[in-house]
Structure formats: C-alpha cells, structure tokens
Amino acid sequence: MLKQPIIEKLTTMGLAAMARAFQEQMNCPDMTALSFEERFGLIVDFQATANDNRRMRNRLQSARLRLAASIEDLDFKT
C-alpha cells in the first residue's frame, strides 16, 4: 500500500498525530532497525501523548485560571 493514502486515512479518522509519527518514521533511516511491533508501539505512544496533551490544554482553557501556575513553582521548604 502506498504511504500517502495511509497518511490521508489516518488524518480522516482523526489520528493526525499518528499520521505525523508514521511520516516521521518513513523519513528516518534508523527506524528500519526496529521491529514492526516496536515501530507501531512508538506510533501509538505518539498518538496517546498527543491526545493527553490536547485534553490537558482543553481543561486548562475551560478552567479559566487567572494565573499561570505549575507544580515546579510550589515552595515546600516551610
């Protein structure tokens, strides 16, 4: 199967991150050393991370926090 139709189908299915990861793997010559399962696992992990990041970004936007805060800014010395 041709690569471009695969990328288009993934994008149509709402798996744009997976399509990007697949395209990056096709452009990287070092990926041929990995087995199919390892390469597929990397693609799935890329999609899962993108989904988690999108969910977190949406939750932060809907929270409408006044200040940008992070865990690293907490002071536990007291």
PDB file of N, CA and C in Angstrom:
ATOM      1  N   MET A   1       0.844  -1.178   0.000  1.00  0.00           N
ATOM      2  CA  MET A   1       0.000   0.000   0.000  1.00  0.00           C
ATOM      3  C   MET A   1       0.891   1.243   0.000  1.00  0.00           C
ATOM      4  N   LEU A   2       0.458   2.250  -0.685  1.00  0.00           N
ATOM      5  CA  LEU A   2       1.213   3.483  -0.775  1.00  0.00           C
ATOM      6  C   LEU A   2       1.146   4.252   0.546  1.00  0.00           C
ATOM      7  N   LYS A   3       2.168   5.027   0.815  1.00  0.00           N
ATOM      8  CA  LYS A   3       2.270   5.742   2.079  1.00  0.00           C
ATOM      9  C   LYS A   3       1.280   6.895   2.182  1.00  0.00           C
ATOM     10  N   GLN A   4       1.108   7.654   1.113  1.00  0.00           N
ATOM     11  CA  GLN A   4       0.239   8.833   1.149  1.00  0.00           C
ATOM     12  C   GLN A   4      -1.214   8.477   1.459  1.00  0.00           C
ATOM     13  N   PRO A   5      -1.802   7.434   0.857  1.00  0.00           N
ATOM     14  CA  PRO A   5      -3.178   7.073   1.226  1.00  0.00           C
ATOM     15  C   PRO A   5      -3.301   6.666   2.695  1.00  0.00           C
ATOM     16  N   ILE A   6      -2.271   6.037   3.243  1.00  0.00           N
ATOM     17  CA  ILE A   6      -2.301   5.665   4.664  1.00  0.00           C
ATOM     18  C   ILE A   6      -2.355   6.922   5.516  1.00  0.00           C
ATOM     19  N   ILE A   7      -1.521   7.895   5.191  1.00  0.00           N
ATOM     20  CA  ILE A   7      -1.482   9.146   5.950  1.00  0.00           C
ATOM     21  C   ILE A   7      -2.820   9.877   5.840  1.00  0.00           C
ATOM     22  N   GLU A   8      -3.405   9.900   4.653  1.00  0.00           N
ATOM     23  CA  GLU A   8      -4.692  10.557   4.460  1.00  0.00           C
ATOM     24  C   GLU A   8      -5.799   9.852   5.241  1.00  0.00           C
ATOM     25  N   LYS A   9      -5.797   8.523   5.259  1.00  0.00           N
ATOM     26  CA  LYS A   9      -6.809   7.779   6.004  1.00  0.00           C
ATOM     27  C   LYS A   9      -6.677   8.025   7.507  1.00  0.00           C
ATOM     28  N   LEU A  10      -5.451   8.034   8.015  1.00  0.00           N
ATOM     29  CA  LEU A  10      -5.240   8.304   9.436  1.00  0.00           C
ATOM     30  C   LEU A  10      -5.739   9.695   9.802  1.00  0.00           C
ATOM     31  N   THR A  11      -5.457  10.667   8.957  1.00  0.00           N
ATOM     32  CA  THR A  11      -5.905  12.031   9.207  1.00  0.00           C
ATOM     33  C   THR A  11      -7.422  12.119   9.168  1.00  0.00           C
ATOM     34  N   THR A  12      -8.043  11.450   8.212  1.00  0.00           N
ATOM     35  CA  THR A  12      -9.502  11.438   8.099  1.00  0.00           C
ATOM     36  C   THR A  12     -10.145  10.791   9.324  1.00  0.00           C
ATOM     37  N   MET A  13      -9.493   9.781   9.869  1.00  0.00           N
ATOM     38  CA  MET A  13     -10.011   9.085  11.044  1.00  0.00           C
ATOM     39  C   MET A  13      -9.786   9.870  12.337  1.00  0.00           C
ATOM     40  N   GLY A  14      -9.147  11.017  12.255  1.00  0.00           N
ATOM     41  CA  GLY A  14      -8.898  11.822  13.443  1.00  0.00           C
ATOM     42  C   GLY A  14      -7.625  11.432  14.169  1.00  0.00           C
ATOM     43  N   LEU A  15      -6.735  10.754  13.479  1.00  0.00           N
ATOM     44  CA  LEU A  15      -5.475  10.307  14.071  1.00  0.00           C
ATOM     45  C   LEU A  15      -4.304  11.057  13.431  1.00  0.00           C
ATOM     46  N   ALA A  16      -4.389  12.373  13.479  1.00  0.00           N
ATOM     47  CA  ALA A  16      -3.385  13.211  12.821  1.00  0.00           C
ATOM     48  C   ALA A  16      -2.006  13.013  13.441  1.00  0.00           C
ATOM     49  N   ALA A  17      -1.934  12.844  14.747  1.00  0.00           N
ATOM     50  CA  ALA A  17      -0.636  12.636  15.404  1.00  0.00           C
ATOM     51  C   ALA A  17      -0.020  11.312  14.961  1.00  0.00           C
ATOM     52  N   MET A  18      -0.858  10.313  14.802  1.00  0.00           N
ATOM     53  CA  MET A  18      -0.368   9.019  14.344  1.00  0.00           C
ATOM     54  C   MET A  18       0.148   9.134  12.908  1.00  0.00           C
ATOM     55  N   ALA A  19      -0.535   9.909  12.086  1.00  0.00           N
ATOM     56  CA  ALA A  19      -0.092  10.123  10.706  1.00  0.00           C
ATOM     57  C   ALA A  19       1.251  10.842  10.682  1.00  0.00           C
ATOM     58  N   ARG A  20       1.415  11.851  11.559  1.00  0.00           N
ATOM     59  CA  ARG A  20       2.687  12.575  11.644  1.00  0.00           C
ATOM     60  C   ARG A  20       3.812  11.655  12.083  1.00  0.00           C
ATOM     61  N   ALA A  21       3.537  10.801  13.080  1.00  0.00           N
ATOM     62  CA  ALA A  21       4.557   9.869  13.573  1.00  0.00           C
ATOM     63  C   ALA A  21       4.942   8.871  12.479  1.00  0.00           C
ATOM     64  N   PHE A  22       3.963   8.389  11.726  1.00  0.00           N
ATOM     65  CA  PHE A  22       4.237   7.460  10.636  1.00  0.00           C
ATOM     66  C   PHE A  22       5.100   8.127   9.580  1.00  0.00           C
ATOM     67  N   GLN A  23       4.766   9.365   9.247  1.00  0.00           N
ATOM     68  CA  GLN A  23       5.524  10.101   8.240  1.00  0.00           C
ATOM     69  C   GLN A  23       6.960  10.342   8.711  1.00  0.00           C
ATOM     70  N   GLU A  24       7.132  10.667  10.001  1.00  0.00           N
ATOM     71  CA  GLU A  24       8.472  10.866  10.542  1.00  0.00           C
ATOM     72  C   GLU A  24       9.283   9.570  10.504  1.00  0.00           C
ATOM     73  N   GLN A  25       8.625   8.444  10.786  1.00  0.00           N
ATOM     74  CA  GLN A  25       9.324   7.165  10.733  1.00  0.00           C
ATOM     75  C   GLN A  25       9.756   6.826   9.313  1.00  0.00           C
ATOM     76  N   MET A  26       8.950   7.175   8.345  1.00  0.00           N
ATOM     77  CA  MET A  26       9.310   6.895   6.959  1.00  0.00           C
ATOM     78  C   MET A  26      10.516   7.728   6.520  1.00  0.00           C
ATOM     79  N   ASN A  27      10.685   8.899   7.094  1.00  0.00           N
ATOM     80  CA  ASN A  27      11.791   9.781   6.740  1.00  0.00           C
ATOM     81  C   ASN A  27      13.067   9.491   7.520  1.00  0.00           C
ATOM     82  N   CYS A  28      12.981   8.667   8.554  1.00  0.00           N
ATOM     83  CA  CYS A  28      14.136   8.372   9.404  1.00  0.00           C
ATOM     84  C   CYS A  28      14.720   7.006   9.031  1.00  0.00           C
ATOM     85  N   PRO A  29      15.944   6.966   8.516  1.00  0.00           N
ATOM     86  CA  PRO A  29      16.521   5.687   8.088  1.00  0.00           C
ATOM     87  C   PRO A  29      16.857   4.756   9.255  1.00  0.00           C
ATOM     88  N   ASP A  30      16.995   5.279  10.465  1.00  0.00           N
ATOM     89  CA  ASP A  30      17.328   4.449  11.625  1.00  0.00           C
ATOM     90  C   ASP A  30      16.178   3.550  12.062  1.00  0.00           C
ATOM     91  N   MET A  31      14.973   3.858  11.637  1.00  0.00           N
ATOM     92  CA  MET A  31      13.801   3.091  12.067  1.00  0.00           C
ATOM     93  C   MET A  31      13.752   1.690  11.474  1.00  0.00           C
ATOM     94  N   THR A  32      14.490   1.441  10.410  1.00  0.00           N
ATOM     95  CA  THR A  32      14.448   0.117   9.798  1.00  0.00           C
ATOM     96  C   THR A  32      15.077  -0.943  10.700  1.00  0.00           C
ATOM     97  N   ALA A  33      15.868  -0.523  11.676  1.00  0.00           N
ATOM     98  CA  ALA A  33      16.481  -1.470  12.606  1.00  0.00           C
ATOM     99  C   ALA A  33      15.474  -2.000  13.623  1.00  0.00           C
ATOM    100  N   LEU A  34      14.364  -1.290  13.820  1.00  0.00           N
ATOM    101  CA  LEU A  34      13.350  -1.707  14.789  1.00  0.00           C
ATOM    102  C   LEU A  34      12.371  -2.689  14.165  1.00  0.00           C
ATOM    103  N   SER A  35      11.787  -3.523  15.004  1.00  0.00           N
ATOM    104  CA  SER A  35      10.774  -4.463  14.517  1.00  0.00           C
ATOM    105  C   SER A  35       9.457  -3.722  14.291  1.00  0.00           C
ATOM    106  N   PHE A  36       8.519  -4.400  13.644  1.00  0.00           N
ATOM    107  CA  PHE A  36       7.212  -3.804  13.376  1.00  0.00           C
ATOM    108  C   PHE A  36       6.517  -3.418  14.670  1.00  0.00           C
ATOM    109  N   GLU A  37       6.570  -4.313  15.667  1.00  0.00           N
ATOM    110  CA  GLU A  37       5.901  -4.060  16.938  1.00  0.00           C
ATOM    111  C   GLU A  37       6.473  -2.834  17.634  1.00  0.00           C
ATOM    112  N   GLU A  38       7.787  -2.678  17.587  1.00  0.00           N
ATOM    113  CA  GLU A  38       8.425  -1.526  18.226  1.00  0.00           C
ATOM    114  C   GLU A  38       8.044  -0.231  17.504  1.00  0.00           C
ATOM    115  N   ARG A  39       8.065  -0.261  16.187  1.00  0.00           N
ATOM    116  CA  ARG A  39       7.692   0.932  15.422  1.00  0.00           C
ATOM    117  C   ARG A  39       6.234   1.288  15.631  1.00  0.00           C
ATOM    118  N   PHE A  40       5.370   0.282  15.622  1.00  0.00           N
ATOM    119  CA  PHE A  40       3.945   0.531  15.827  1.00  0.00           C
ATOM    120  C   PHE A  40       3.692   1.051  17.235  1.00  0.00           C
ATOM    121  N   GLY A  41       4.415   0.511  18.207  1.00  0.00           N
ATOM    122  CA  GLY A  41       4.295   0.993  19.586  1.00  0.00           C
ATOM    123  C   GLY A  41       4.680   2.456  19.713  1.00  0.00           C
ATOM    124  N   LEU A  42       5.728   2.863  19.018  1.00  0.00           N
ATOM    125  CA  LEU A  42       6.138   4.271  19.032  1.00  0.00           C
ATOM    126  C   LEU A  42       5.059   5.168  18.434  1.00  0.00           C
ATOM    127  N   ILE A  43       4.438   4.703  17.354  1.00  0.00           N
ATOM    128  CA  ILE A  43       3.377   5.483  16.715  1.00  0.00           C
ATOM    129  C   ILE A  43       2.173   5.607  17.650  1.00  0.00           C
ATOM    130  N   VAL A  44       1.786   4.520  18.289  1.00  0.00           N
ATOM    131  CA  VAL A  44       0.646   4.538  19.206  1.00  0.00           C
ATOM    132  C   VAL A  44       0.952   5.438  20.405  1.00  0.00           C
ATOM    133  N   ASP A  45       2.162   5.367  20.939  1.00  0.00           N
ATOM    134  CA  ASP A  45       2.554   6.231  22.052  1.00  0.00           C
ATOM    135  C   ASP A  45       2.486   7.701  21.655  1.00  0.00           C
ATOM    136  N   PHE A  46       2.904   8.021  20.438  1.00  0.00           N
ATOM    137  CA  PHE A  46       2.863   9.393  19.942  1.00  0.00           C
ATOM    138  C   PHE A  46       1.424   9.897  19.909  1.00  0.00           C
ATOM    139  N   GLN A  47       0.504   9.057  19.431  1.00  0.00           N
ATOM    140  CA  GLN A  47      -0.910   9.437  19.376  1.00  0.00           C
ATOM    141  C   GLN A  47      -1.485   9.596  20.777  1.00  0.00           C
ATOM    142  N   ALA A  48      -1.164   8.684  21.688  1.00  0.00           N
ATOM    143  CA  ALA A  48      -1.683   8.764  23.050  1.00  0.00           C
ATOM    144  C   ALA A  48      -1.187  10.030  23.747  1.00  0.00           C
ATOM    145  N   THR A  49       0.070  10.367  23.550  1.00  0.00           N
ATOM    146  CA  THR A  49       0.615  11.584  24.146  1.00  0.00           C
ATOM    147  C   THR A  49      -0.063  12.821  23.579  1.00  0.00           C
ATOM    148  N   ALA A  50      -0.295  12.832  22.287  1.00  0.00           N
ATOM    149  CA  ALA A  50      -0.986  13.962  21.666  1.00  0.00           C
ATOM    150  C   ALA A  50      -2.405  14.100  22.216  1.00  0.00           C
ATOM    151  N   ASN A  51      -3.103  12.981  22.411  1.00  0.00           N
ATOM    152  CA  ASN A  51      -4.454  13.020  22.979  1.00  0.00           C
ATOM    153  C   ASN A  51      -4.431  13.559  24.405  1.00  0.00           C
ATOM    154  N   ASP A  52      -3.486  13.098  25.219  1.00  0.00           N
ATOM    155  CA  ASP A  52      -3.376  13.576  26.593  1.00  0.00           C
ATOM    156  C   ASP A  52      -3.078  15.067  26.637  1.00  0.00           C
ATOM    157  N   ASN A  53      -2.168  15.512  25.789  1.00  0.00           N
ATOM    158  CA  ASN A  53      -1.828  16.936  25.746  1.00  0.00           C
ATOM    159  C   ASN A  53      -3.024  17.783  25.317  1.00  0.00           C
ATOM    160  N   ARG A  54      -3.786  17.288  24.341  1.00  0.00           N
ATOM    161  CA  ARG A  54      -4.966  18.018  23.889  1.00  0.00           C
ATOM    162  C   ARG A  54      -6.016  18.106  24.991  1.00  0.00           C
ATOM    163  N   ARG A  55      -6.226  17.005  25.722  1.00  0.00           N
ATOM    164  CA  ARG A  55      -7.187  17.011  26.829  1.00  0.00           C
ATOM    165  C   ARG A  55      -6.765  18.004  27.911  1.00  0.00           C
ATOM    166  N   MET A  56      -5.474  17.993  28.256  1.00  0.00           N
ATOM    167  CA  MET A  56      -4.976  18.900  29.287  1.00  0.00           C
ATOM    168  C   MET A  56      -5.118  20.358  28.841  1.00  0.00           C
ATOM    169  N   ARG A  57      -4.794  20.647  27.595  1.00  0.00           N
ATOM    170  CA  ARG A  57      -4.914  22.005  27.075  1.00  0.00           C
ATOM    171  C   ARG A  57      -6.374  22.464  27.113  1.00  0.00           C
ATOM    172  N   ASN A  58      -7.303  21.591  26.740  1.00  0.00           N
ATOM    173  CA  ASN A  58      -8.727  21.937  26.771  1.00  0.00           C
ATOM    174  C   ASN A  58      -9.201  22.178  28.199  1.00  0.00           C
ATOM    175  N   ARG A  59      -8.744  21.364  29.141  1.00  0.00           N
ATOM    176  CA  ARG A  59      -9.152  21.545  30.539  1.00  0.00           C
ATOM    177  C   ARG A  59      -8.600  22.844  31.113  1.00  0.00           C
ATOM    178  N   LEU A  60      -7.368  23.169  30.759  1.00  0.00           N
ATOM    179  CA  LEU A  60      -6.791  24.418  31.237  1.00  0.00           C
ATOM    180  C   LEU A  60      -7.523  25.626  30.657  1.00  0.00           C
ATOM    181  N   GLN A  61      -7.923  25.538  29.403  1.00  0.00           N
ATOM    182  CA  GLN A  61      -8.679  26.630  28.792  1.00  0.00           C
ATOM    183  C   GLN A  61     -10.049  26.779  29.432  1.00  0.00           C
ATOM    184  N   SER A  62     -10.707  25.675  29.714  1.00  0.00           N
ATOM    185  CA  SER A  62     -12.046  25.748  30.301  1.00  0.00           C
ATOM    186  C   SER A  62     -11.997  26.149  31.774  1.00  0.00           C
ATOM    187  N   ALA A  63     -10.868  25.957  32.449  1.00  0.00           N
ATOM    188  CA  ALA A  63     -10.729  26.338  33.850  1.00  0.00           C
ATOM    189  C   ALA A  63     -10.642  27.856  34.005  1.00  0.00           C
ATOM    190  N   ARG A  64     -10.165  28.539  32.986  1.00  0.00           N
ATOM    191  CA  ARG A  64     -10.034  29.997  33.002  1.00  0.00           C
ATOM    192  C   ARG A  64      -9.281  30.482  34.239  1.00  0.00           C
ATOM    193  N   LEU A  65      -8.128  29.918  34.460  1.00  0.00           N
ATOM    194  CA  LEU A  65      -7.309  30.311  35.596  1.00  0.00           C
ATOM    195  C   LEU A  65      -6.760  31.718  35.388  1.00  0.00           C
ATOM    196  N   ARG A  66      -6.686  32.474  36.471  1.00  0.00           N
ATOM    197  CA  ARG A  66      -6.196  33.845  36.370  1.00  0.00           C
ATOM    198  C   ARG A  66      -4.685  33.906  36.233  1.00  0.00           C
ATOM    199  N   LEU A  67      -3.999  32.979  36.867  1.00  0.00           N
ATOM    200  CA  LEU A  67      -2.538  32.963  36.850  1.00  0.00           C
ATOM    201  C   LEU A  67      -2.043  31.665  36.240  1.00  0.00           C
ATOM    202  N   ALA A  68      -0.933  31.772  35.550  1.00  0.00           N
ATOM    203  CA  ALA A  68      -0.302  30.561  35.024  1.00  0.00           C
ATOM    204  C   ALA A  68       0.564  29.982  36.137  1.00  0.00           C
ATOM    205  N   ALA A  69       0.257  28.780  36.570  1.00  0.00           N
ATOM    206  CA  ALA A  69       0.993  28.158  37.665  1.00  0.00           C
ATOM    207  C   ALA A  69       1.465  26.779  37.227  1.00  0.00           C
ATOM    208  N   SER A  70       2.491  26.306  37.910  1.00  0.00           N
ATOM    209  CA  SER A  70       2.986  24.965  37.636  1.00  0.00           C
ATOM    210  C   SER A  70       3.440  24.323  38.942  1.00  0.00           C
ATOM    211  N   ILE A  71       3.560  23.021  38.929  1.00  0.00           N
ATOM    212  CA  ILE A  71       3.980  22.277  40.112  1.00  0.00           C
ATOM    213  C   ILE A  71       5.372  22.719  40.552  1.00  0.00           C
ATOM    214  N   GLU A  72       6.204  23.057  39.612  1.00  0.00           N
ATOM    215  CA  GLU A  72       7.588  23.446  39.925  1.00  0.00           C
ATOM    216  C   GLU A  72       7.658  24.743  40.711  1.00  0.00           C
ATOM    217  N   ASP A  73       6.609  25.564  40.654  1.00  0.00           N
ATOM    218  CA  ASP A  73       6.607  26.831  41.365  1.00  0.00           C
ATOM    219  C   ASP A  73       6.255  26.705  42.854  1.00  0.00           C
ATOM    220  N   LEU A  74       5.816  25.538  43.289  1.00  0.00           N
ATOM    221  CA  LEU A  74       5.461  25.349  44.690  1.00  0.00           C
ATOM    222  C   LEU A  74       6.697  25.349  45.569  1.00  0.00           C
ATOM    223  N   ASP A  75       6.559  25.964  46.753  1.00  0.00           N
ATOM    224  CA  ASP A  75       7.658  26.029  47.697  1.00  0.00           C
ATOM    225  C   ASP A  75       7.329  25.123  48.895  1.00  0.00           C
ATOM    226  N   PHE A  76       8.046  24.024  49.027  1.00  0.00           N
ATOM    227  CA  PHE A  76       7.800  23.055  50.084  1.00  0.00           C
ATOM    228  C   PHE A  76       8.755  23.225  51.267  1.00  0.00           C
ATOM    229  N   LYS A  77       9.529  24.296  51.299  1.00  0.00           N
ATOM    230  CA  LYS A  77      10.544  24.480  52.335  1.00  0.00           C
ATOM    231  C   LYS A  77       9.963  24.800  53.708  1.00  0.00           C
ATOM    232  N   THR A  78       8.755  25.315  53.776  1.00  0.00           N
ATOM    233  CA  THR A  78       8.193  25.709  55.087  1.00  0.00           C
ATOM    234  C   THR A  78       7.734  24.533  55.886  1.00  0.00           C
TER     235      THR A  78
END
